[in-house]
Amino acid sequence: MRADVPVAPADVAIVGLGPAGRALAHRCVERGLRVAAIDPHPQRPWRATYAAWADELPAWLPPTVIASSVAPMAWTNAAHRLDRQYCVLDNAALRNATVLDGAQVIADRATELTPGLVTLGAGGTVAARIVVDARGTGAAAGAATQTAFGMVVDTATADPVLGDADALFMDWRADNGSAPDAPRSFLYAVPLGDDRVLLEETCLVGRPALELGVLRDRLRTRLSARGLTPGGDETVERVRFAVESPAGLPGVPAFGARGGLMHPCTGYSVASSLAAADLAAATIAHGDDLTAALWPLRARAVAAMRATGLRTLLTAPPEQIVPFFAAFFALPDRLQRAYLSGRLDAPGTAAAMASMLVRCPAPIRSTMLRSAFGRQNARIRSS
C-alpha cells in the first residue's frame, strides 16, 4: 500500500518488518486485529543468516522454516560436542509462514513514533490504538557491536575446514593470523541447505568491534591454513549490528531486538522474538501493557545478569577469552541452555554464572566480579 493512501485507524501499528516485526504482525492478524505494518521495503528479501536452537522455536512455525539442522561443535583449547540441535532458518519459508494477508502493509519510512500515531516520510500519519517499534538495533554509535565477514561455499569445499564436525558454533583456534595480544575472533561455520556452507569470521562483541576488513583477512588466513583457498567469486555476507537496544521512545513499546529480546552476549534475537510474538499479540488484543507482559521480574533479572556477562566480554583481555569459553562449554548442558536461551530462567542463569565463577581461572574470576559490580576497565577491548 502506498503511503499516500488513507489508512483506517488500526488496533496496532508495527514499525519494522524484519523477522520480529513481521512475526508480531502475523500473530496479530491471526487474532483478528486490524494491523498496519510499516517498512520502507516490506517486500525486500532478508539477506542475513538467521539461526536458532531447535528447542527455542515456537510450535506455530511449520518445520519448513528450517533449512538445516545439526548438532554443532565448539572449539576452545579442546573440542566440545554440543548435545543440542542447531537450526539455520530458510528466510523465504519464514516469510511464507508469517503471511500478512489482511494487514495494511505500508511501504514507507516512519519519521516519528508517538503513542497512537506514526508519521510517515512521504507525508501523512497512521493512527493506531498502540504503536510498536520493531526496527531492530542497527549500528548505533557507541553501542557494543557484533561484526562478521563470511563467504558461502559448497559442502565439499568446506569439508577441510569443518573436519569431523557437522557445524562449528564457535571455533576459537588460533589459526587466523591474529597476534596473541590482538582482540579475538572465532570461526562460525554452518550448513545453509542446498549444498551450501557459510564460513564466517566473527567478532562476538566489541566497543568498537573489529572492522570487516580485519575479519576478512583473518578468515582468508584461517581458511588457507586449513587447505581452502577462496576463488574470489563466493557470495559474501557482511554483518554489523548493535547488541544493545537503543533508548526507548516515551509511550511506544518496542519488540524484537529493539525491545531487548536480543541476547547481548551472543547477538541472537530472532528465536526469542518468534517465541514472544504470541504473548505480545495476545497482550495487544487484550489492551494490556505490552512492556510489562514481556518484562516480568524474572526477565528483568536475567537481563541484568546478561548485562554483567556483556561487561565481562567487553573488558576481558584477549588472553582470557578462550579459557572463558572453555569453562562455559564445560558446563552441564542444562546450564548452557539456561544461559543461552532462558530469558525467563533467572535461577538457571544465576546457577550458570555461579558455576562459571567456580570453573574459571582466578584472573577471569576477577574480571567477572568487577563486571558484576559495574567496575569497568579503563580500556574497553573487543573480543
Protein backbone atom coordinates (compact mmCIF):
# COMPACT_ATOMS: atom_id res chain seq x y z
CA MET A 1 0.00 0.00 0.00
CA ARG A 2 1.36 3.46 -0.89
CA ALA A 3 1.96 5.97 1.89
CA ASP A 4 -0.43 8.49 0.26
CA VAL A 5 -3.39 6.09 0.52
CA PRO A 6 -5.57 6.91 3.54
CA VAL A 7 -5.22 4.26 6.19
CA ALA A 8 -8.09 3.40 8.52
CA PRO A 9 -7.28 3.55 12.25
CA ALA A 10 -5.67 0.27 13.31
CA ASP A 11 -5.60 -1.71 16.50
CA VAL A 12 -1.81 -1.86 16.23
CA ALA A 13 0.79 -0.17 14.03
CA ILE A 14 4.03 -2.18 13.83
CA VAL A 15 7.05 -0.29 12.53
CA GLY A 16 9.72 -2.54 11.03
CA LEU A 17 9.15 -5.80 9.14
CA GLY A 18 12.22 -7.83 9.87
CA PRO A 19 11.60 -11.32 11.27
CA ALA A 20 10.48 -9.95 14.67
CA GLY A 21 8.12 -7.26 13.41
CA ARG A 22 6.68 -9.50 10.70
CA ALA A 23 6.09 -12.34 13.16
CA LEU A 24 4.30 -10.00 15.55
CA ALA A 25 2.19 -8.54 12.73
CA HIS A 26 1.31 -12.06 11.56
CA ARG A 27 0.25 -13.23 15.02
CA CYS A 28 -1.83 -10.08 15.49
CA VAL A 29 -3.58 -10.69 12.16
CA GLU A 30 -4.23 -14.28 13.24
CA ARG A 31 -6.06 -12.88 16.28
CA GLY A 32 -8.28 -10.75 14.10
CA LEU A 33 -6.65 -7.42 14.94
CA ARG A 34 -6.54 -4.56 12.48
CA VAL A 35 -2.83 -4.28 11.73
CA ALA A 36 -0.85 -1.54 9.99
CA ALA A 37 2.65 -2.76 9.15
CA ILE A 38 5.14 -0.07 8.12
CA ASP A 39 8.52 -0.62 6.50
CA PRO A 40 10.44 1.20 3.72
CA HIS A 41 10.92 -2.07 1.80
CA PRO A 42 8.35 -4.61 3.03
CA GLN A 43 8.91 -6.99 0.09
CA ARG A 44 12.72 -6.95 0.19
CA PRO A 45 14.11 -10.46 0.87
CA TRP A 46 16.07 -10.93 4.08
CA ARG A 47 19.74 -11.48 3.25
CA ALA A 48 21.12 -12.18 6.73
CA THR A 49 21.62 -15.71 8.03
CA TYR A 50 19.23 -16.40 10.92
CA ALA A 51 19.74 -19.39 13.18
CA ALA A 52 18.33 -20.76 16.42
CA TRP A 53 18.41 -23.72 18.73
CA ALA A 54 15.60 -26.01 17.62
CA ASP A 55 14.01 -26.10 21.07
CA GLU A 56 13.63 -22.30 21.03
CA LEU A 57 11.27 -22.18 18.03
CA PRO A 58 7.54 -21.77 18.74
CA ALA A 59 5.08 -24.53 17.89
CA TRP A 60 3.13 -22.33 15.46
CA LEU A 61 6.03 -22.31 12.99
CA PRO A 62 5.94 -25.14 10.41
CA PRO A 63 9.04 -27.35 10.04
CA THR A 64 9.56 -25.96 6.54
CA VAL A 65 11.21 -22.85 8.05
CA ILE A 66 14.27 -24.97 8.93
CA ALA A 67 16.86 -25.07 6.14
CA SER A 68 19.32 -27.26 8.03
CA SER A 69 19.57 -28.85 11.46
CA VAL A 70 22.79 -30.13 13.03
CA ALA A 71 24.43 -30.88 16.36
CA PRO A 72 27.36 -28.45 16.25
CA MET A 73 30.82 -28.49 17.79
CA ALA A 74 32.70 -25.75 19.60
CA TRP A 75 36.49 -25.43 19.79
CA THR A 76 38.38 -23.63 22.54
CA ASN A 77 41.60 -25.30 23.71
CA ALA A 78 39.81 -28.58 23.00
CA ALA A 79 36.77 -29.84 21.12
CA HIS A 80 33.30 -29.65 22.70
CA ARG A 81 30.38 -31.52 21.15
CA LEU A 82 27.13 -29.73 21.91
CA ASP A 83 24.19 -32.02 22.61
CA ARG A 84 21.57 -29.71 21.15
CA GLN A 85 20.10 -29.30 17.67
CA TYR A 86 21.00 -26.06 15.96
CA CYS A 87 18.94 -24.81 13.01
CA VAL A 88 19.59 -22.39 10.20
CA LEU A 89 16.33 -20.84 9.06
CA ASP A 90 15.07 -20.65 5.49
CA ASN A 91 14.30 -16.95 5.09
CA ALA A 92 11.82 -17.38 2.25
CA ALA A 93 9.97 -20.11 4.12
CA LEU A 94 9.93 -17.96 7.27
CA ARG A 95 8.32 -15.12 5.32
CA ASN A 96 5.78 -17.55 3.86
CA ALA A 97 4.97 -18.78 7.38
CA THR A 98 4.32 -15.21 8.57
CA VAL A 99 1.88 -14.04 5.90
CA LEU A 100 0.32 -10.61 6.36
CA ASP A 101 -2.92 -11.18 4.47
CA GLY A 102 -5.45 -8.76 5.89
CA ALA A 103 -2.85 -6.32 7.23
CA GLN A 104 -2.37 -2.85 5.78
CA VAL A 105 1.26 -3.01 4.60
CA ILE A 106 2.68 0.46 4.03
CA ALA A 107 5.91 0.89 2.09
CA ASP A 108 7.28 4.00 3.73
CA ARG A 109 9.73 5.17 6.35
CA ALA A 110 8.45 6.16 9.77
CA THR A 111 9.92 9.53 10.71
CA GLU A 112 8.28 9.86 14.13
CA LEU A 113 6.64 7.45 16.55
CA THR A 114 4.41 8.71 19.33
CA PRO A 115 1.73 6.93 21.37
CA GLY A 116 -1.08 6.12 18.94
CA LEU A 117 0.47 7.78 15.89
CA VAL A 118 3.16 7.12 13.25
CA THR A 119 4.31 9.95 10.99
CA LEU A 120 5.37 8.79 7.52
CA GLY A 121 8.23 10.10 5.43
CA ALA A 122 6.09 10.59 2.33
CA GLY A 123 3.56 12.57 4.31
CA GLY A 124 0.54 11.60 6.33
CA THR A 125 0.15 9.60 9.51
CA VAL A 126 -1.06 6.22 10.67
CA ALA A 127 -3.27 6.14 13.74
CA ALA A 128 -3.49 3.09 15.97
CA ARG A 129 -4.53 2.13 19.47
CA ILE A 130 -0.93 1.05 20.09
CA VAL A 131 2.28 1.71 18.16
CA VAL A 132 5.09 -0.89 18.41
CA ASP A 133 8.68 -0.15 17.41
CA ALA A 134 10.32 -3.23 15.82
CA ARG A 135 13.05 -1.56 13.78
CA GLY A 136 15.98 -3.55 15.20
CA THR A 137 19.10 -2.15 16.82
CA GLY A 138 21.02 -1.10 13.71
CA ALA A 139 24.60 0.04 14.29
CA ALA A 140 24.08 2.71 16.95
CA ALA A 141 27.15 4.85 17.66
CA GLY A 142 28.88 3.88 20.87
CA ALA A 143 26.89 0.68 21.39
CA ALA A 144 28.54 -2.70 21.87
CA THR A 145 28.52 -4.25 18.41
CA GLN A 146 28.92 -7.61 16.72
CA THR A 147 30.67 -7.80 13.35
CA ALA A 148 31.38 -10.69 10.99
CA PHE A 149 32.64 -11.36 7.50
CA GLY A 150 31.67 -14.58 5.78
CA MET A 151 31.56 -16.39 2.48
CA VAL A 152 29.37 -19.19 1.16
CA VAL A 153 31.00 -22.27 -0.38
CA ASP A 154 29.76 -25.70 -1.40
CA THR A 155 29.81 -28.58 1.06
CA ALA A 156 32.77 -30.39 -0.48
CA THR A 157 34.86 -27.21 -0.40
CA ALA A 158 34.03 -26.67 3.27
CA ASP A 159 34.95 -30.22 4.37
CA PRO A 160 38.62 -29.46 5.21
CA VAL A 161 37.51 -26.51 7.34
CA LEU A 162 34.83 -28.42 9.25
CA GLY A 163 36.91 -31.56 9.81
CA ASP A 164 34.74 -34.13 11.56
CA ALA A 165 32.18 -31.53 12.68
CA ASP A 166 28.80 -31.02 11.01
CA ALA A 167 28.95 -27.37 12.07
CA LEU A 168 31.19 -25.11 14.16
CA PHE A 169 29.22 -22.96 16.58
CA MET A 170 32.38 -21.24 17.82
CA ASP A 171 35.90 -22.15 16.74
CA TRP A 172 38.45 -20.11 18.72
CA ARG A 173 41.54 -21.96 17.44
CA ALA A 174 44.49 -19.65 16.76
CA ASP A 175 44.95 -20.19 13.03
CA ASN A 176 43.54 -16.90 11.75
CA GLY A 177 46.84 -15.00 11.82
CA SER A 178 45.96 -12.64 14.67
CA ALA A 179 48.63 -11.60 17.17
CA PRO A 180 48.43 -13.12 20.68
CA ASP A 181 47.57 -9.74 22.20
CA ALA A 182 45.02 -8.81 19.50
CA PRO A 183 41.26 -8.87 20.08
CA ARG A 184 39.88 -12.35 19.49
CA SER A 185 37.54 -13.57 16.78
CA PHE A 186 36.18 -17.03 16.02
CA LEU A 187 35.06 -19.10 13.05
CA TYR A 188 31.35 -19.80 12.67
CA ALA A 189 30.64 -22.50 10.08
CA VAL A 190 27.11 -23.80 9.41
CA PRO A 191 25.30 -25.60 6.59
CA LEU A 192 22.69 -23.44 4.89
CA GLY A 193 20.99 -26.25 2.98
CA ASP A 194 21.12 -26.82 -0.78
CA ASP A 195 24.77 -27.96 -0.59
CA ARG A 196 25.94 -24.60 0.78
CA VAL A 197 28.00 -23.79 3.87
CA LEU A 198 28.59 -20.38 5.47
CA LEU A 199 32.14 -19.80 6.75
CA GLU A 200 32.26 -16.65 8.84
CA GLU A 201 34.89 -14.93 10.98
CA THR A 202 33.08 -13.28 13.87
CA CYS A 203 33.87 -10.63 16.44
CA LEU A 204 31.41 -11.63 19.13
CA VAL A 205 31.20 -8.17 20.66
CA GLY A 206 33.30 -5.06 20.92
CA ARG A 207 33.14 -1.37 21.64
CA PRO A 208 34.33 -0.79 18.99
CA ALA A 209 34.09 -4.15 17.25
CA LEU A 210 36.69 -5.43 14.82
CA GLU A 211 36.38 -3.93 11.36
CA LEU A 212 35.13 -6.06 8.49
CA GLY A 213 38.42 -5.78 6.63
CA VAL A 214 40.27 -7.27 9.58
CA LEU A 215 37.77 -10.13 9.78
CA ARG A 216 38.01 -10.73 6.02
CA ASP A 217 41.78 -11.06 6.24
CA ARG A 218 41.57 -13.34 9.27
CA LEU A 219 39.04 -15.56 7.53
CA ARG A 220 41.22 -15.93 4.46
CA THR A 221 44.25 -16.76 6.62
CA ARG A 222 42.28 -19.33 8.61
CA LEU A 223 40.83 -20.99 5.53
CA SER A 224 44.23 -21.11 3.86
CA ALA A 225 45.70 -22.76 6.97
CA ARG A 226 43.06 -25.49 6.57
CA GLY A 227 43.65 -26.05 2.88
CA LEU A 228 40.95 -23.85 1.38
CA THR A 229 41.84 -21.00 -0.96
CA PRO A 230 38.78 -18.90 -1.90
CA GLY A 231 38.25 -18.45 -5.62
CA GLY A 232 37.06 -14.85 -5.24
CA ASP A 233 33.59 -15.36 -6.67
CA GLU A 234 31.94 -16.62 -3.47
CA THR A 235 28.79 -14.99 -2.13
CA VAL A 236 29.83 -12.74 0.76
CA GLU A 237 27.98 -11.93 3.98
CA ARG A 238 28.81 -8.81 6.00
CA VAL A 239 27.42 -8.38 9.49
CA ARG A 240 27.34 -5.34 11.77
CA PHE A 241 24.71 -4.69 14.42
CA ALA A 242 24.47 -3.37 17.95
CA VAL A 243 23.83 -5.95 20.66
CA GLU A 244 22.45 -3.27 22.98
CA SER A 245 18.99 -1.82 22.46
CA PRO A 246 18.70 1.93 21.85
CA ALA A 247 16.80 4.07 24.30
CA GLY A 248 13.06 3.58 24.02
CA LEU A 249 10.57 6.20 22.89
CA PRO A 250 8.16 7.53 25.55
CA GLY A 251 4.89 5.63 25.45
CA VAL A 252 5.94 3.45 22.49
CA PRO A 253 6.72 -0.17 23.40
CA ALA A 254 9.45 -1.92 21.43
CA PHE A 255 9.62 -5.51 20.24
CA GLY A 256 12.33 -7.81 18.96
CA ALA A 257 15.99 -6.80 19.18
CA ARG A 258 14.98 -3.18 19.66
CA GLY A 259 12.85 -4.23 22.62
CA GLY A 260 15.66 -6.06 24.42
CA LEU A 261 14.89 -9.56 23.15
CA MET A 262 18.45 -9.89 21.86
CA HIS A 263 20.94 -11.80 24.00
CA PRO A 264 23.69 -9.17 24.40
CA CYS A 265 26.42 -11.80 24.82
CA THR A 266 25.59 -13.77 21.67
CA GLY A 267 23.67 -11.44 19.34
CA TYR A 268 20.78 -13.90 18.94
CA SER A 269 17.29 -12.38 18.89
CA VAL A 270 15.18 -13.98 16.17
CA ALA A 271 14.18 -17.12 18.09
CA SER A 272 13.27 -15.22 21.26
CA SER A 273 11.26 -12.74 19.18
CA LEU A 274 9.39 -15.51 17.35
CA ALA A 275 8.69 -17.22 20.67
CA ALA A 276 7.39 -13.99 22.23
CA ALA A 277 5.19 -12.97 19.29
CA ASP A 278 2.09 -14.87 20.51
CA LEU A 279 2.30 -13.39 24.01
CA ALA A 280 2.77 -9.92 22.54
CA ALA A 281 -0.19 -10.34 20.18
CA ALA A 282 -2.43 -11.61 22.98
CA THR A 283 -1.40 -8.70 25.18
CA ILE A 284 -2.19 -6.19 22.45
CA ALA A 285 -5.55 -7.88 21.79
CA HIS A 286 -6.47 -7.62 25.48
CA GLY A 287 -5.35 -4.00 25.70
CA ASP A 288 -2.78 -4.74 28.40
CA ASP A 289 0.67 -3.23 28.92
CA LEU A 290 2.99 -4.82 26.35
CA THR A 291 6.23 -3.90 28.08
CA ALA A 292 5.00 -5.27 31.40
CA ALA A 293 3.91 -8.52 29.74
CA LEU A 294 7.26 -9.03 28.02
CA TRP A 295 9.34 -7.99 31.02
CA PRO A 296 8.17 -9.61 34.25
CA LEU A 297 10.57 -9.51 37.19
CA ARG A 298 12.33 -12.76 36.26
CA ALA A 299 13.04 -11.49 32.72
CA ARG A 300 14.47 -8.25 34.11
CA ALA A 301 16.66 -10.24 36.48
CA VAL A 302 18.01 -12.35 33.59
CA ALA A 303 18.65 -9.20 31.55
CA ALA A 304 20.69 -7.73 34.40
CA MET A 305 22.79 -10.90 34.64
CA ARG A 306 23.30 -10.97 30.88
CA ALA A 307 24.46 -7.35 31.05
CA THR A 308 27.11 -8.48 33.52
CA GLY A 309 28.21 -11.11 31.01
CA LEU A 310 28.44 -8.44 28.31
CA ARG A 311 30.65 -6.28 30.53
CA THR A 312 32.88 -9.30 31.11
CA LEU A 313 33.31 -9.86 27.37
CA LEU A 314 33.99 -6.18 26.75
CA THR A 315 36.59 -5.82 29.48
CA ALA A 316 38.36 -9.19 29.47
CA PRO A 317 41.86 -9.02 27.92
CA PRO A 318 42.33 -11.21 24.84
CA GLU A 319 44.19 -13.96 26.69
CA GLN A 320 41.15 -14.60 28.90
CA ILE A 321 38.62 -15.16 26.11
CA VAL A 322 39.45 -18.74 25.12
CA PRO A 323 39.71 -20.03 28.75
CA PHE A 324 36.42 -18.27 29.49
CA PHE A 325 34.60 -20.14 26.73
CA ALA A 326 36.38 -23.37 27.59
CA ALA A 327 34.81 -23.08 31.03
CA PHE A 328 31.42 -22.26 29.53
CA PHE A 329 31.33 -25.23 27.18
CA ALA A 330 32.37 -27.48 30.07
CA LEU A 331 29.19 -26.55 31.94
CA PRO A 332 26.40 -29.15 32.13
CA ASP A 333 24.03 -28.92 29.17
CA ARG A 334 21.18 -27.62 31.33
CA LEU A 335 23.27 -24.64 32.50
CA GLN A 336 24.46 -23.84 28.98
CA ARG A 337 20.84 -23.85 27.81
CA ALA A 338 19.74 -21.69 30.72
CA TYR A 339 22.33 -19.03 29.95
CA LEU A 340 21.94 -19.10 26.18
CA SER A 341 18.15 -19.37 25.95
CA GLY A 342 16.48 -18.98 29.34
CA ARG A 343 15.17 -15.42 29.03
CA LEU A 344 12.78 -16.11 31.92
CA ASP A 345 15.00 -18.56 33.79
CA ALA A 346 16.59 -16.40 36.49
CA PRO A 347 17.58 -19.33 38.73
CA GLY A 348 19.17 -21.23 35.81
CA THR A 349 21.05 -18.16 34.58
CA ALA A 350 22.31 -17.43 38.08
CA ALA A 351 23.41 -21.05 38.51
CA ALA A 352 25.30 -20.94 35.19
CA MET A 353 27.12 -17.76 36.17
CA ALA A 354 27.95 -19.09 39.63
CA SER A 355 29.33 -22.28 38.10
CA MET A 356 31.45 -20.20 35.74
CA LEU A 357 32.95 -18.36 38.71
CA VAL A 358 33.98 -21.68 40.20
CA ARG A 359 35.39 -23.13 36.97
CA CYS A 360 37.26 -20.12 35.56
CA PRO A 361 40.90 -19.36 36.41
CA ALA A 362 41.47 -16.66 39.03
CA PRO A 363 42.21 -13.78 36.59
CA ILE A 364 38.93 -14.40 34.76
CA ARG A 365 37.05 -14.63 38.06
CA SER A 366 38.41 -11.19 38.92
CA THR A 367 37.16 -9.80 35.59
CA MET A 368 33.74 -11.36 36.14
CA LEU A 369 33.45 -9.98 39.66
CA ARG A 370 34.47 -6.48 38.57
CA SER A 371 31.82 -6.70 35.84
CA ALA A 372 29.20 -7.88 38.32
CA PHE A 373 29.81 -4.83 40.47
CA GLY A 374 29.84 -2.49 37.49
CA ARG A 375 33.53 -1.65 37.63
CA GLN A 376 34.73 -1.28 34.05
CA ASN A 377 38.35 -1.37 32.99
CA ALA A 378 39.58 1.96 31.69
CA ARG A 379 40.44 0.39 28.36
CA ILE A 380 37.47 -1.22 26.62
CA ARG A 381 38.55 -4.09 24.40
CA SER A 382 36.98 -6.09 21.58
CA SER A 383 36.54 -9.82 21.99
